[in-house]
Amino acid sequence: MFKLLRYFSIASLVACSGATLFLWHQDQQTTTAQLISASEQKNVEVTQIVANVVWPQHQSFLSSTESLTQEELQDHPQTAEINQIVRRLIKGTSIAKLKIFDLKGRVVFSTDTKQIGQDKSKYGGFLTARSGETITKLSHKSKFRGVQGLLTEKKFISSYLPLQPQASTSDIEGVIEVYSNVTPLVNQIEEAQQEGLIAVVVTFLGLYGVLVIIVGYAQAILIRQEKAKQAAEAKLAEESEALARSNEALIRSNKELEQFAYVASHDLQEPLRKIEAFGDRLKSKCSDDLSERGQDYVDRMQKAAGRMRQLVQNLLAFSRVTSKSKPFTSVNLNEVVDSVLDDLEIRIRETEAQVDVASLSVIDAEPMQIRQLFQNLISNALKFRQPDQPLCITVGGQLMADGGDDSLQQSGNMYQIRVADNGIGFEQKYTDRIFRVFQRLHSRNEYDGTGIGLAVCAKIAEHHGGTITADSTPGQGATFIITLPFTQIPMESAS
């Protein structure tokens, strides 16, 4: 099931091996660089000594050997004298060979006599040193003829150094090549590196063993978790299947309930219309035969029938929010509000209300439901006004997202609509209550209504994937805040 331990073993083994090789290589490079640097400094010191001792005495000879053949130069008495001086100077040091070049690249002296007189003018080391720089490298020689005789399988530090007898700032008068035998030092370094390598390998193996144990334990936990997950998924699948069956039953029940609500609403409205019609006839044709109390009874009957008809219509509207909704389209909210204000023009004029509407956006919505939302909220404000001061209603909106106009097309943005008034207001603790069906904060004698209007608004907001809430203080008015998606996501995309 899980290959964590196997993959970890392979990966960690490769990583440990790579880290070991990297550390060993880095240590080797660092140690070699330090060895070259230290040996180069010694070569510089030896070169300076030789230059200060040999060059002042034999400068004229060493600088003018062009007329001598290679054999003449090798057998020249001054060559033998220089050889004695150099060997005496390097005796007891690690110097294995020393050569002196003139500025033209000719070997004018070497502890290996056979090399005297050779032309090395094309050698990179000579050219570098003649330009004033020092070049040093570590090399391995299978056979090497040095001052100690023939050497085999040795390691040398060779340096090409500019010959400046007086000081480092004086003119370059030649080039010196020095070979130092560093075989003992290299062997010591390699032994120390081998010991360090063994220590690193042992440490990594110990760490590897500990990690293998930890990963093995983790794998056992993951296996148990995977089994528990599979059991949970199997149980969830059973519950999902049961939920699907319940949903199907609920859908059938809702459809039957919608049909019942529709039929019941129509069946209830017909006798209510008859009650109102016969009540009108009774008042118009039999008013003389009715006593004052009888006329009062008829008035009450008609008012009750009217309230019942309004209640049935509101219930029907509440049930149709989701069952009879149309597809979402682009809705210009300013046009919707203007249409609502036209319908409420008479009531607005009668109440002398002032309605201020800010610039609203175009959002994805169901046009008729958004119209019903605004009509319910503005009608609510007109109804619950304060009798002793002019009513002022403001309608505004804003995009609830950061960004400029380009962000308006993003489906994740929400648009907030605010409908505020300076009416009678209500206690903030009743905010949740006012959006429930049949919940009223005032008696029917104070304000008419069925207690369904705000519940319809809440259901419309929910159907659009939004929310509605209110902020109010008694005597200071109320603000209804509706938050709706700016762009509706199609069901196919959402799923």
Protein backbone atom coordinates (compact mmCIF):
# COMPACT_ATOMS: atom_id res chain seq x y z
CA MET A 1 0.00 0.00 0.00
CA PHE A 2 2.64 2.50 1.10
CA LYS A 3 6.15 2.51 -0.37
CA LEU A 4 7.32 5.33 1.89
CA LEU A 5 10.00 3.25 3.65
CA ARG A 6 11.39 1.89 0.39
CA TYR A 7 11.50 5.29 -1.29
CA PHE A 8 12.95 6.92 1.79
CA SER A 9 15.64 4.26 2.09
CA ILE A 10 16.74 4.76 -1.50
CA ALA A 11 16.47 8.56 -1.43
CA SER A 12 18.19 8.98 1.92
CA LEU A 13 20.96 6.55 0.95
CA VAL A 14 21.58 8.53 -2.23
CA ALA A 15 21.42 11.80 -0.28
CA CYS A 16 23.83 10.57 2.40
CA SER A 17 26.24 9.27 -0.24
CA GLY A 18 26.02 12.51 -2.16
CA ALA A 19 26.49 14.59 0.99
CA THR A 20 29.50 12.47 1.99
CA LEU A 21 31.13 12.82 -1.41
CA PHE A 22 30.38 16.53 -1.48
CA LEU A 23 31.87 17.11 1.98
CA TRP A 24 34.90 15.01 1.09
CA HIS A 25 35.39 16.89 -2.17
CA GLN A 26 34.96 20.26 -0.45
CA ASP A 27 37.44 19.29 2.26
CA GLN A 28 39.89 18.06 -0.37
CA GLN A 29 39.57 21.27 -2.37
CA THR A 30 39.97 23.44 0.72
CA THR A 31 42.96 21.48 2.01
CA THR A 32 44.61 21.48 -1.41
CA ALA A 33 44.09 25.22 -1.74
CA GLN A 34 45.61 25.78 1.72
CA LEU A 35 48.55 23.50 0.87
CA ILE A 36 49.19 25.31 -2.41
CA SER A 37 48.97 28.69 -0.69
CA ALA A 38 51.40 27.70 2.08
CA SER A 39 53.82 26.03 -0.34
CA GLU A 40 53.69 28.99 -2.67
CA GLN A 41 54.66 31.29 0.19
CA LYS A 42 57.65 29.06 1.00
CA ASN A 43 58.64 29.02 -2.66
CA VAL A 44 58.45 32.80 -2.74
CA GLU A 45 60.69 33.00 0.30
CA VAL A 46 63.22 30.54 -1.20
CA THR A 47 63.11 32.38 -4.51
CA GLN A 48 63.80 35.68 -2.83
CA ILE A 49 66.76 34.23 -0.94
CA VAL A 50 68.20 32.70 -4.11
CA ALA A 51 67.63 35.92 -5.99
CA ASN A 52 69.32 38.01 -3.32
CA VAL A 53 72.32 35.64 -3.08
CA VAL A 54 72.80 34.43 -6.66
CA TRP A 55 71.57 37.26 -8.84
CA PRO A 56 73.78 40.11 -7.61
CA GLN A 57 76.93 37.99 -8.16
CA HIS A 58 76.01 36.36 -11.46
CA GLN A 59 73.55 38.79 -13.04
CA SER A 60 75.85 39.76 -15.88
CA PHE A 61 76.45 36.11 -16.75
CA LEU A 62 72.84 34.96 -16.44
CA SER A 63 71.52 37.91 -18.46
CA SER A 64 73.87 37.40 -21.42
CA THR A 65 73.98 33.74 -22.37
CA GLU A 66 72.70 34.16 -25.92
CA SER A 67 76.17 33.65 -27.35
CA LEU A 68 76.67 30.34 -25.53
CA THR A 69 75.45 27.05 -26.87
CA GLN A 70 73.50 24.71 -24.62
CA GLU A 71 76.60 22.55 -24.01
CA GLU A 72 78.77 25.60 -23.30
CA LEU A 73 76.24 26.95 -20.88
CA GLN A 74 75.91 23.60 -19.11
CA ASP A 75 79.71 23.24 -18.76
CA HIS A 76 80.42 26.88 -17.88
CA PRO A 77 82.33 27.38 -14.60
CA GLN A 78 79.84 29.96 -13.35
CA THR A 79 77.05 27.43 -13.89
CA ALA A 80 78.86 25.00 -11.61
CA GLU A 81 79.43 27.77 -9.07
CA ILE A 82 75.73 28.78 -9.12
CA ASN A 83 74.79 25.10 -8.76
CA GLN A 84 76.88 24.81 -5.59
CA ILE A 85 75.39 27.97 -4.13
CA VAL A 86 71.77 26.92 -4.91
CA ARG A 87 72.20 23.40 -3.57
CA ARG A 88 73.69 24.83 -0.39
CA LEU A 89 70.75 27.22 0.00
CA ILE A 90 68.05 24.59 -0.56
CA LYS A 91 69.74 21.87 1.42
CA GLY A 92 67.43 20.52 4.12
CA THR A 93 64.31 22.03 2.48
CA SER A 94 61.59 20.40 0.45
CA ILE A 95 62.85 22.05 -2.75
CA ALA A 96 63.44 19.33 -5.35
CA LYS A 97 64.33 21.48 -8.34
CA LEU A 98 65.00 25.13 -9.11
CA LYS A 99 65.33 26.77 -12.53
CA ILE A 100 66.14 30.30 -13.59
CA PHE A 101 64.91 31.80 -16.90
CA ASP A 102 66.09 34.96 -18.57
CA LEU A 103 63.49 37.36 -19.93
CA LYS A 104 63.57 35.61 -23.33
CA GLY A 105 62.50 32.30 -21.84
CA ARG A 106 65.83 30.46 -21.95
CA VAL A 107 66.71 28.23 -19.00
CA VAL A 108 69.98 29.82 -17.87
CA PHE A 109 70.24 27.63 -14.79
CA SER A 110 68.67 24.44 -13.43
CA THR A 111 69.57 21.99 -10.69
CA ASP A 112 68.88 19.43 -13.45
CA THR A 113 71.84 20.25 -15.72
CA LYS A 114 70.25 18.61 -18.78
CA GLN A 115 67.53 21.28 -18.82
CA ILE A 116 69.99 24.20 -18.96
CA GLY A 117 69.81 26.00 -22.31
CA GLN A 118 66.27 24.86 -23.19
CA ASP A 119 63.81 27.36 -24.68
CA LYS A 120 60.64 27.72 -22.56
CA SER A 121 59.49 31.04 -24.00
CA LYS A 122 56.12 29.57 -25.05
CA TYR A 123 55.25 28.06 -21.66
CA GLY A 124 52.23 29.59 -20.01
CA GLY A 125 53.82 29.53 -16.56
CA PHE A 126 56.85 31.47 -17.79
CA LEU A 127 54.70 34.05 -19.60
CA THR A 128 52.50 34.55 -16.54
CA ALA A 129 55.48 35.06 -14.19
CA ARG A 130 57.22 37.41 -16.66
CA SER A 131 54.07 39.58 -16.59
CA GLY A 132 54.45 39.95 -12.81
CA GLU A 133 52.07 37.28 -11.51
CA THR A 134 52.78 34.06 -9.64
CA ILE A 135 51.27 30.77 -10.76
CA THR A 136 51.36 27.64 -8.59
CA LYS A 137 49.88 24.17 -9.05
CA LEU A 138 49.91 20.71 -7.48
CA SER A 139 50.98 17.83 -9.73
CA HIS A 140 51.91 14.17 -9.57
CA LYS A 141 55.09 12.91 -11.22
CA SER A 142 55.77 9.24 -11.91
CA LYS A 143 59.49 9.99 -12.45
CA PHE A 144 61.22 13.20 -11.48
CA ARG A 145 64.92 14.14 -11.45
CA GLY A 146 65.56 16.43 -8.50
CA VAL A 147 68.49 17.52 -6.37
CA GLN A 148 68.08 14.33 -4.34
CA GLY A 149 68.32 12.17 -7.47
CA LEU A 150 65.62 10.25 -9.33
CA LEU A 151 62.27 10.39 -7.53
CA THR A 152 59.28 8.18 -8.35
CA GLU A 153 55.58 8.60 -7.64
CA LYS A 154 55.89 11.93 -5.91
CA LYS A 155 53.66 14.98 -5.56
CA PHE A 156 55.07 18.44 -6.18
CA ILE A 157 54.04 22.03 -5.81
CA SER A 158 55.49 23.92 -8.77
CA SER A 159 55.63 27.73 -8.84
CA TYR A 160 56.60 30.17 -11.56
CA LEU A 161 57.68 33.41 -9.85
CA PRO A 162 58.94 36.74 -11.21
CA LEU A 163 62.59 37.41 -10.35
CA GLN A 164 62.77 40.79 -8.59
CA PRO A 165 66.03 40.95 -6.60
CA GLN A 166 65.45 44.24 -4.81
CA ALA A 167 61.74 44.26 -3.95
CA SER A 168 58.34 43.32 -5.26
CA THR A 169 58.05 46.77 -6.85
CA SER A 170 61.36 46.57 -8.76
CA ASP A 171 61.71 45.61 -12.41
CA ILE A 172 61.38 41.94 -13.35
CA GLU A 173 64.77 40.62 -14.43
CA GLY A 174 63.91 36.99 -14.97
CA VAL A 175 61.71 34.09 -13.86
CA ILE A 176 62.37 31.35 -11.32
CA GLU A 177 60.60 27.97 -11.34
CA VAL A 178 60.63 26.04 -8.06
CA TYR A 179 59.46 22.48 -7.41
CA SER A 180 58.71 21.51 -3.80
CA ASN A 181 58.29 17.88 -2.81
CA VAL A 182 55.07 17.80 -0.77
CA THR A 183 54.51 14.04 -0.90
CA PRO A 184 54.73 13.54 2.90
CA LEU A 185 52.28 16.41 3.52
CA VAL A 186 49.86 15.14 0.90
CA ASN A 187 50.02 11.62 2.35
CA GLN A 188 49.26 12.99 5.83
CA ILE A 189 46.38 15.03 4.46
CA GLU A 190 44.96 12.02 2.59
CA GLU A 191 45.18 9.86 5.71
CA ALA A 192 43.39 12.56 7.73
CA GLN A 193 40.76 12.87 5.01
CA GLN A 194 40.23 9.12 4.99
CA GLU A 195 39.76 9.14 8.74
CA GLY A 196 37.34 12.07 8.43
CA LEU A 197 35.51 10.31 5.62
CA ILE A 198 35.11 7.20 7.76
CA ALA A 199 33.78 9.34 10.63
CA VAL A 200 31.28 11.08 8.32
CA VAL A 201 30.15 7.74 6.86
CA VAL A 202 29.66 6.25 10.34
CA THR A 203 27.72 9.35 11.45
CA PHE A 204 25.50 9.29 8.36
CA LEU A 205 24.89 5.55 8.75
CA GLY A 206 23.83 6.08 12.35
CA LEU A 207 21.55 8.94 11.34
CA TYR A 208 20.24 6.86 8.46
CA GLY A 209 19.39 4.01 10.81
CA VAL A 210 17.52 6.34 13.20
CA LEU A 211 15.58 7.92 10.33
CA VAL A 212 14.67 4.50 8.92
CA ILE A 213 13.19 3.55 12.28
CA ILE A 214 11.24 6.83 12.46
CA VAL A 215 9.98 6.52 8.89
CA GLY A 216 9.00 2.90 9.46
CA TYR A 217 6.96 3.99 12.47
CA ALA A 218 5.42 6.82 10.44
CA GLN A 219 4.54 4.38 7.66
CA ALA A 220 2.78 2.12 10.16
CA ILE A 221 0.76 5.14 11.36
CA LEU A 222 -0.10 6.08 7.77
CA ILE A 223 -1.26 2.55 7.04
CA ARG A 224 -3.55 2.63 10.04
CA GLN A 225 -4.84 6.05 9.00
CA GLU A 226 -5.43 4.84 5.44
CA LYS A 227 -7.46 1.89 6.72
CA ALA A 228 -9.44 4.23 8.97
CA LYS A 229 -9.93 6.59 6.01
CA GLN A 230 -11.21 3.76 3.80
CA ALA A 231 -13.61 2.69 6.53
CA ALA A 232 -14.79 6.28 6.92
CA GLU A 233 -15.19 6.65 3.15
CA ALA A 234 -17.23 3.47 3.00
CA LYS A 235 -19.43 4.74 5.81
CA LEU A 236 -19.68 8.15 4.13
CA ALA A 237 -20.67 6.47 0.86
CA GLU A 238 -23.47 4.65 2.66
CA GLU A 239 -24.60 7.85 4.34
CA SER A 240 -24.38 9.73 1.01
CA GLU A 241 -26.54 7.10 -0.62
CA ALA A 242 -29.05 7.37 2.20
CA LEU A 243 -28.91 11.17 1.93
CA ALA A 244 -29.48 10.98 -1.81
CA ARG A 245 -32.57 8.86 -1.22
CA SER A 246 -33.73 11.36 1.41
CA ASN A 247 -33.12 14.23 -1.01
CA GLU A 248 -35.15 12.53 -3.70
CA ALA A 249 -37.97 12.04 -1.24
CA LEU A 250 -37.64 15.67 -0.13
CA ILE A 251 -37.76 16.89 -3.74
CA ARG A 252 -40.92 14.89 -4.35
CA SER A 253 -42.37 16.23 -1.11
CA ASN A 254 -41.48 19.83 -2.03
CA LYS A 255 -43.05 19.46 -5.46
CA GLU A 256 -46.21 18.08 -3.89
CA LEU A 257 -46.14 20.89 -1.32
CA GLU A 258 -45.74 23.51 -4.08
CA GLN A 259 -48.65 22.03 -5.97
CA PHE A 260 -50.70 21.97 -2.79
CA ALA A 261 -49.78 25.59 -1.96
CA TYR A 262 -50.69 26.74 -5.44
CA VAL A 263 -54.02 24.90 -5.50
CA ALA A 264 -54.85 25.84 -1.93
CA SER A 265 -54.08 29.49 -2.64
CA HIS A 266 -56.36 29.59 -5.64
CA ASP A 267 -59.08 27.60 -3.90
CA LEU A 268 -58.89 29.90 -0.88
CA GLN A 269 -58.96 33.09 -2.93
CA GLU A 270 -62.16 32.16 -4.74
CA PRO A 271 -64.39 32.01 -1.60
CA LEU A 272 -62.64 35.10 -0.25
CA ARG A 273 -63.55 37.02 -3.40
CA LYS A 274 -67.13 35.88 -2.98
CA ILE A 275 -67.19 36.97 0.65
CA GLU A 276 -65.89 40.40 -0.36
CA ALA A 277 -68.33 40.62 -3.30
CA PHE A 278 -71.39 39.64 -1.26
CA GLY A 279 -70.28 41.95 1.51
CA ASP A 280 -70.18 44.82 -1.00
CA ARG A 281 -73.70 43.94 -2.21
CA LEU A 282 -74.93 43.64 1.35
CA LYS A 283 -73.62 47.12 2.15
CA SER A 284 -74.86 48.72 -1.06
CA LYS A 285 -78.29 47.11 -1.37
CA CYS A 286 -79.24 46.19 2.17
CA SER A 287 -77.60 48.95 4.17
CA ASP A 288 -81.03 50.38 5.08
CA ASP A 289 -82.14 47.01 6.48
CA LEU A 290 -78.98 46.60 8.57
CA SER A 291 -78.57 48.06 11.96
CA GLU A 292 -75.48 50.00 12.89
CA ARG A 293 -74.09 46.88 14.54
CA GLY A 294 -74.88 44.80 11.45
CA GLN A 295 -73.02 47.25 9.21
CA ASP A 296 -70.07 47.06 11.61
CA TYR A 297 -70.11 43.28 11.35
CA VAL A 298 -70.10 43.49 7.55
CA ASP A 299 -67.14 45.92 7.60
CA ARG A 300 -65.18 43.64 9.90
CA MET A 301 -66.02 40.64 7.70
CA GLN A 302 -64.77 42.41 4.58
CA LYS A 303 -61.56 43.60 6.28
CA ALA A 304 -60.87 40.09 7.55
CA ALA A 305 -61.49 38.67 4.06
CA GLY A 306 -59.15 41.29 2.56
CA ARG A 307 -56.43 40.47 5.08
CA MET A 308 -56.90 36.77 4.38
CA ARG A 309 -56.61 37.35 0.62
CA GLN A 310 -53.45 39.41 1.10
CA LEU A 311 -52.03 36.72 3.38
CA VAL A 312 -52.73 34.01 0.79
CA GLN A 313 -51.12 36.09 -1.96
CA ASN A 314 -48.04 36.75 0.19
CA LEU A 315 -47.73 33.08 1.08
CA LEU A 316 -47.99 32.21 -2.60
CA ALA A 317 -45.27 34.78 -3.39
CA PHE A 318 -43.07 33.35 -0.62
CA SER A 319 -43.38 29.81 -1.98
CA ARG A 320 -42.66 30.95 -5.54
CA VAL A 321 -39.26 32.55 -4.74
CA THR A 322 -37.44 29.33 -5.58
CA SER A 323 -40.09 27.24 -7.33
CA LYS A 324 -41.04 29.82 -9.99
CA SER A 325 -37.75 31.68 -10.32
CA LYS A 326 -36.37 32.52 -13.75
CA PRO A 327 -32.73 32.29 -14.95
CA PHE A 328 -30.30 34.95 -13.75
CA THR A 329 -29.63 37.79 -16.18
CA SER A 330 -27.89 41.16 -16.07
CA VAL A 331 -30.11 43.51 -14.06
CA ASN A 332 -29.65 47.28 -13.96
CA LEU A 333 -30.51 48.07 -10.32
CA ASN A 334 -31.17 51.76 -11.04
CA GLU A 335 -33.81 50.82 -13.62
CA VAL A 336 -35.43 48.43 -11.13
CA VAL A 337 -35.55 51.08 -8.39
CA ASP A 338 -36.97 53.68 -10.82
CA SER A 339 -39.74 51.22 -11.78
CA VAL A 340 -40.57 50.55 -8.11
CA LEU A 341 -40.69 54.29 -7.36
CA ASP A 342 -43.10 54.77 -10.27
CA ASP A 343 -45.43 52.14 -8.79
CA LEU A 344 -45.19 53.73 -5.33
CA GLU A 345 -45.51 57.30 -6.62
CA ILE A 346 -48.93 57.95 -5.02
CA ARG A 347 -47.90 56.63 -1.59
CA ILE A 348 -44.64 58.59 -1.75
CA ARG A 349 -46.58 61.77 -2.60
CA GLU A 350 -49.12 61.13 0.17
CA THR A 351 -46.42 60.61 2.80
CA GLU A 352 -44.33 63.51 1.41
CA ALA A 353 -41.33 61.20 1.49
CA GLN A 354 -37.97 62.05 -0.09
CA VAL A 355 -36.23 59.14 -1.82
CA ASP A 356 -32.58 59.54 -2.80
CA VAL A 357 -31.07 56.87 -5.05
CA ALA A 358 -27.31 56.70 -5.66
CA SER A 359 -25.72 55.25 -8.76
CA LEU A 360 -26.15 51.46 -8.62
CA SER A 361 -24.43 48.74 -10.66
CA VAL A 362 -25.57 46.04 -13.04
CA ILE A 363 -25.48 42.60 -11.39
CA ASP A 364 -26.54 39.05 -12.25
CA ALA A 365 -29.97 38.44 -10.71
CA GLU A 366 -33.56 37.37 -11.25
CA PRO A 367 -35.26 40.63 -12.39
CA MET A 368 -38.73 40.13 -10.88
CA GLN A 369 -37.35 38.98 -7.53
CA ILE A 370 -34.97 41.95 -7.29
CA ARG A 371 -37.91 44.23 -8.08
CA GLN A 372 -39.94 42.56 -5.33
CA LEU A 373 -37.00 42.97 -2.94
CA PHE A 374 -36.77 46.74 -3.48
CA GLN A 375 -40.57 47.15 -3.44
CA ASN A 376 -40.89 45.35 -0.10
CA LEU A 377 -38.08 47.34 1.53
CA ILE A 378 -39.22 50.76 0.26
CA SER A 379 -42.86 49.96 1.11
CA ASN A 380 -41.71 48.94 4.56
CA ALA A 381 -39.98 52.31 5.01
CA LEU A 382 -43.10 54.16 3.86
CA LYS A 383 -45.22 52.17 6.30
CA PHE A 384 -43.06 52.54 9.41
CA ARG A 385 -42.41 56.28 9.16
CA GLN A 386 -42.52 58.73 12.07
CA PRO A 387 -45.62 60.93 11.96
CA ASP A 388 -43.88 64.01 13.35
CA GLN A 389 -41.01 64.35 10.86
CA PRO A 390 -40.49 64.13 7.07
CA LEU A 391 -39.54 60.70 5.82
CA CYS A 392 -36.20 60.34 4.05
CA ILE A 393 -35.23 57.12 2.26
CA THR A 394 -31.78 56.53 0.72
CA VAL A 395 -30.79 53.70 -1.59
CA GLY A 396 -27.10 53.05 -2.34
CA GLY A 397 -24.67 50.29 -3.21
CA GLN A 398 -20.98 49.43 -3.39
CA LEU A 399 -18.74 46.61 -4.59
CA MET A 400 -17.33 44.66 -1.64
CA ALA A 401 -13.88 43.93 -3.15
CA ASP A 402 -10.48 45.60 -3.59
CA GLY A 403 -9.48 46.67 -7.06
CA GLY A 404 -10.53 48.92 -9.88
CA ASP A 405 -13.10 48.60 -12.64
CA ASP A 406 -11.34 45.53 -14.06
CA SER A 407 -12.27 43.59 -10.96
CA LEU A 408 -15.99 44.06 -11.53
CA GLN A 409 -16.10 41.04 -13.77
CA GLN A 410 -14.67 38.70 -11.16
CA SER A 411 -17.19 36.15 -9.97
CA GLY A 412 -15.85 36.23 -6.41
CA ASN A 413 -16.92 39.85 -5.78
CA MET A 414 -19.99 40.73 -3.72
CA TYR A 415 -22.21 43.76 -4.20
CA GLN A 416 -23.77 45.41 -1.15
CA ILE A 417 -27.09 47.28 -1.33
CA ARG A 418 -28.21 49.58 1.51
CA VAL A 419 -31.79 50.83 1.96
CA ALA A 420 -31.94 53.29 4.87
CA ASP A 421 -34.72 55.40 6.37
CA ASN A 422 -35.32 57.69 9.36
CA GLY A 423 -38.49 55.90 10.44
CA ILE A 424 -39.52 54.48 13.80
CA GLY A 425 -36.78 51.81 13.81
CA PHE A 426 -36.73 48.79 16.12
CA GLU A 427 -34.63 47.13 18.79
CA GLN A 428 -31.48 45.51 17.37
CA LYS A 429 -32.22 42.30 19.24
CA TYR A 430 -35.20 41.70 16.94
CA THR A 431 -33.04 41.64 13.77
CA ASP A 432 -33.31 37.88 13.22
CA ARG A 433 -36.97 37.80 14.12
CA ILE A 434 -38.18 40.29 11.50
CA PHE A 435 -36.99 38.05 8.63
CA ARG A 436 -39.14 35.10 9.75
CA VAL A 437 -42.59 34.32 8.38
CA PHE A 438 -45.53 35.80 10.37
CA GLN A 439 -43.22 37.64 12.77
CA ARG A 440 -44.51 41.13 13.62
CA LEU A 441 -43.13 43.72 16.04
CA HIS A 442 -46.34 45.77 16.11
CA SER A 443 -50.00 44.94 16.42
CA ARG A 444 -52.33 44.94 13.42
CA ASN A 445 -54.16 47.93 14.85
CA GLU A 446 -50.95 49.99 14.68
CA TYR A 447 -49.63 48.87 11.29
CA ASP A 448 -51.30 46.62 8.74
CA GLY A 449 -49.50 43.74 7.05
CA THR A 450 -49.06 39.99 7.17
CA GLY A 451 -45.49 39.68 8.48
CA ILE A 452 -44.26 38.01 5.30
CA GLY A 453 -42.66 40.87 3.31
CA LEU A 454 -39.23 40.79 4.97
CA ALA A 455 -39.28 36.98 4.99
CA VAL A 456 -39.69 37.13 1.20
CA CYS A 457 -36.71 39.52 1.04
CA ALA A 458 -34.59 37.08 3.07
CA LYS A 459 -35.58 34.19 0.83
CA ILE A 460 -34.77 36.19 -2.31
CA ALA A 461 -31.32 37.07 -0.92
CA GLU A 462 -30.69 33.44 -0.01
CA HIS A 463 -31.83 32.27 -3.45
CA HIS A 464 -29.25 34.62 -5.03
CA GLY A 465 -26.47 33.25 -2.81
CA GLY A 466 -26.43 36.38 -0.64
CA THR A 467 -27.51 37.64 2.77
CA ILE A 468 -29.72 40.31 4.30
CA THR A 469 -29.48 41.95 7.70
CA ALA A 470 -30.56 45.17 9.37
CA ASP A 471 -29.06 47.82 11.60
CA SER A 472 -31.57 49.88 13.58
CA THR A 473 -32.16 52.02 16.65
CA PRO A 474 -35.67 52.87 17.93
CA GLY A 475 -36.64 56.40 16.88
CA GLN A 476 -33.62 56.76 14.55
CA GLY A 477 -34.65 54.65 11.58
CA ALA A 478 -33.36 51.40 10.08
CA THR A 479 -30.84 50.37 7.47
CA PHE A 480 -31.35 47.13 5.55
CA ILE A 481 -28.12 45.68 4.13
CA ILE A 482 -28.33 43.18 1.27
CA THR A 483 -25.16 41.48 0.00
CA LEU A 484 -25.44 39.66 -3.34
CA PRO A 485 -22.88 38.08 -5.70
CA PHE A 486 -21.86 40.54 -8.40
CA THR A 487 -21.66 37.71 -10.92
CA GLN A 488 -23.58 34.48 -10.54
CA ILE A 489 -21.59 31.28 -11.16
CA PRO A 490 -23.45 28.78 -13.37
CA MET A 491 -24.34 25.52 -11.63
CA GLU A 492 -22.15 23.54 -14.07
CA SER A 493 -19.10 25.63 -13.20
CA ALA A 494 -19.80 25.53 -9.49
CA SER A 495 -20.05 21.76 -9.51
